[in-house]
Structures are given as C-alpha cells and as structure tokens.
Amino acid sequence: MANVAMTSDLEEVLRPFHQRAAEAE
C-alpha cells in the first residue's frame, strides 16, 4: 500500500519533468 502511494507521488513529481523532456526534443 505504501508503495502505491510512493509511486503516485513520484509520478506527480516526474510528470512535468517528462513534459519538459518532450518539449526539449
């Protein structure tokens, strides 16, 4: 259960990061 919450947080943090990477390309 804790793993799911952690993954959710990571996804929220990495989401804009991935968007930036896509824009950089």
PDB file of N, CA and C in Angstrom:
ATOM      1  N   MET A   1       0.842  -1.202   0.000  1.00  0.00           N
ATOM      2  CA  MET A   1       0.000   0.000   0.000  1.00  0.00           C
ATOM      3  C   MET A   1       0.876   1.252   0.000  1.00  0.00           C
ATOM      4  N   ALA A   2       1.867   1.269   0.869  1.00  0.00           N
ATOM      5  CA  ALA A   2       2.764   2.422   0.932  1.00  0.00           C
ATOM      6  C   ALA A   2       3.492   2.603  -0.401  1.00  0.00           C
ATOM      7  N   ASN A   3       3.792   1.484  -1.049  1.00  0.00           N
ATOM      8  CA  ASN A   3       4.486   1.550  -2.337  1.00  0.00           C
ATOM      9  C   ASN A   3       3.628   2.285  -3.366  1.00  0.00           C
ATOM     10  N   VAL A   4       2.331   1.987  -3.356  1.00  0.00           N
ATOM     11  CA  VAL A   4       1.428   2.626  -4.319  1.00  0.00           C
ATOM     12  C   VAL A   4       1.421   4.135  -4.103  1.00  0.00           C
ATOM     13  N   ALA A   5       1.336   4.564  -2.847  1.00  0.00           N
ATOM     14  CA  ALA A   5       1.313   5.993  -2.536  1.00  0.00           C
ATOM     15  C   ALA A   5       2.618   6.644  -2.985  1.00  0.00           C
ATOM     16  N   MET A   6       3.721   5.947  -2.750  1.00  0.00           N
ATOM     17  CA  MET A   6       5.026   6.486  -3.133  1.00  0.00           C
ATOM     18  C   MET A   6       5.099   6.634  -4.654  1.00  0.00           C
ATOM     19  N   THR A   7       4.640   5.610  -5.362  1.00  0.00           N
ATOM     20  CA  THR A   7       4.661   5.649  -6.830  1.00  0.00           C
ATOM     21  C   THR A   7       3.803   6.813  -7.329  1.00  0.00           C
ATOM     22  N   SER A   8       2.660   7.012  -6.677  1.00  0.00           N
ATOM     23  CA  SER A   8       1.771   8.103  -7.073  1.00  0.00           C
ATOM     24  C   SER A   8       2.504   9.437  -6.940  1.00  0.00           C
ATOM     25  N   ASP A   9       3.192   9.621  -5.812  1.00  0.00           N
ATOM     26  CA  ASP A   9       3.933  10.864  -5.582  1.00  0.00           C
ATOM     27  C   ASP A   9       5.010  11.036  -6.639  1.00  0.00           C
ATOM     28  N   LEU A  10       5.727   9.955  -6.929  1.00  0.00           N
ATOM     29  CA  LEU A  10       6.812  10.034  -7.911  1.00  0.00           C
ATOM     30  C   LEU A  10       6.250  10.407  -9.276  1.00  0.00           C
ATOM     31  N   GLU A  11       5.120   9.807  -9.624  1.00  0.00           N
ATOM     32  CA  GLU A  11       4.524  10.116 -10.920  1.00  0.00           C
ATOM     33  C   GLU A  11       4.149  11.595 -10.999  1.00  0.00           C
ATOM     34  N   GLU A  12       3.594  12.126  -9.918  1.00  0.00           N
ATOM     35  CA  GLU A  12       3.201  13.543  -9.912  1.00  0.00           C
ATOM     36  C   GLU A  12       4.422  14.437 -10.055  1.00  0.00           C
ATOM     37  N   VAL A  13       5.523  14.025  -9.414  1.00  0.00           N
ATOM     38  CA  VAL A  13       6.744  14.840  -9.471  1.00  0.00           C
ATOM     39  C   VAL A  13       7.406  14.723 -10.840  1.00  0.00           C
ATOM     40  N   LEU A  14       7.359  13.524 -11.420  1.00  0.00           N
ATOM     41  CA  LEU A  14       8.062  13.304 -12.688  1.00  0.00           C
ATOM     42  C   LEU A  14       7.228  13.721 -13.890  1.00  0.00           C
ATOM     43  N   ARG A  15       5.929  13.842 -13.696  1.00  0.00           N
ATOM     44  CA  ARG A  15       5.058  14.177 -14.842  1.00  0.00           C
ATOM     45  C   ARG A  15       5.528  15.456 -15.552  1.00  0.00           C
ATOM     46  N   PRO A  16       5.664  16.596 -14.853  1.00  0.00           N
ATOM     47  CA  PRO A  16       6.138  17.828 -15.514  1.00  0.00           C
ATOM     48  C   PRO A  16       7.550  17.663 -16.045  1.00  0.00           C
ATOM     49  N   PHE A  17       8.358  16.839 -15.374  1.00  0.00           N
ATOM     50  CA  PHE A  17       9.729  16.616 -15.816  1.00  0.00           C
ATOM     51  C   PHE A  17       9.732  15.926 -17.178  1.00  0.00           C
ATOM     52  N   HIS A  18       8.863  14.936 -17.350  1.00  0.00           N
ATOM     53  CA  HIS A  18       8.769  14.230 -18.632  1.00  0.00           C
ATOM     54  C   HIS A  18       8.238  15.188 -19.703  1.00  0.00           C
ATOM     55  N   GLN A  19       7.311  16.040 -19.311  1.00  0.00           N
ATOM     56  CA  GLN A  19       6.758  17.005 -20.273  1.00  0.00           C
ATOM     57  C   GLN A  19       7.874  17.929 -20.757  1.00  0.00           C
ATOM     58  N   ARG A  20       8.735  18.356 -19.852  1.00  0.00           N
ATOM     59  CA  ARG A  20       9.848  19.240 -20.231  1.00  0.00           C
ATOM     60  C   ARG A  20      10.777  18.517 -21.195  1.00  0.00           C
ATOM     61  N   ALA A  21      11.053  17.256 -20.915  1.00  0.00           N
ATOM     62  CA  ALA A  21      11.946  16.478 -21.768  1.00  0.00           C
ATOM     63  C   ALA A  21      11.333  16.368 -23.166  1.00  0.00           C
ATOM     64  N   ALA A  22      10.038  16.146 -23.235  1.00  0.00           N
ATOM     65  CA  ALA A  22       9.368  16.028 -24.535  1.00  0.00           C
ATOM     66  C   ALA A  22       9.434  17.366 -25.268  1.00  0.00           C
ATOM     67  N   GLU A  23       9.269  18.456 -24.528  1.00  0.00           N
ATOM     68  CA  GLU A  23       9.327  19.774 -25.172  1.00  0.00           C
ATOM     69  C   GLU A  23      10.744  20.081 -25.648  1.00  0.00           C
ATOM     70  N   ALA A  24      11.740  19.628 -24.886  1.00  0.00           N
ATOM     71  CA  ALA A  24      13.139  19.894 -25.236  1.00  0.00           C
ATOM     72  C   ALA A  24      13.457  19.256 -26.587  1.00  0.00           C
ATOM     73  N   GLU A  25      12.871  18.069 -26.826  1.00  0.00           N
ATOM     74  CA  GLU A  25      13.103  17.397 -28.107  1.00  0.00           C
ATOM     75  C   GLU A  25      12.357  18.168 -29.180  1.00  0.00           C
TER      76      GLU A  25
END
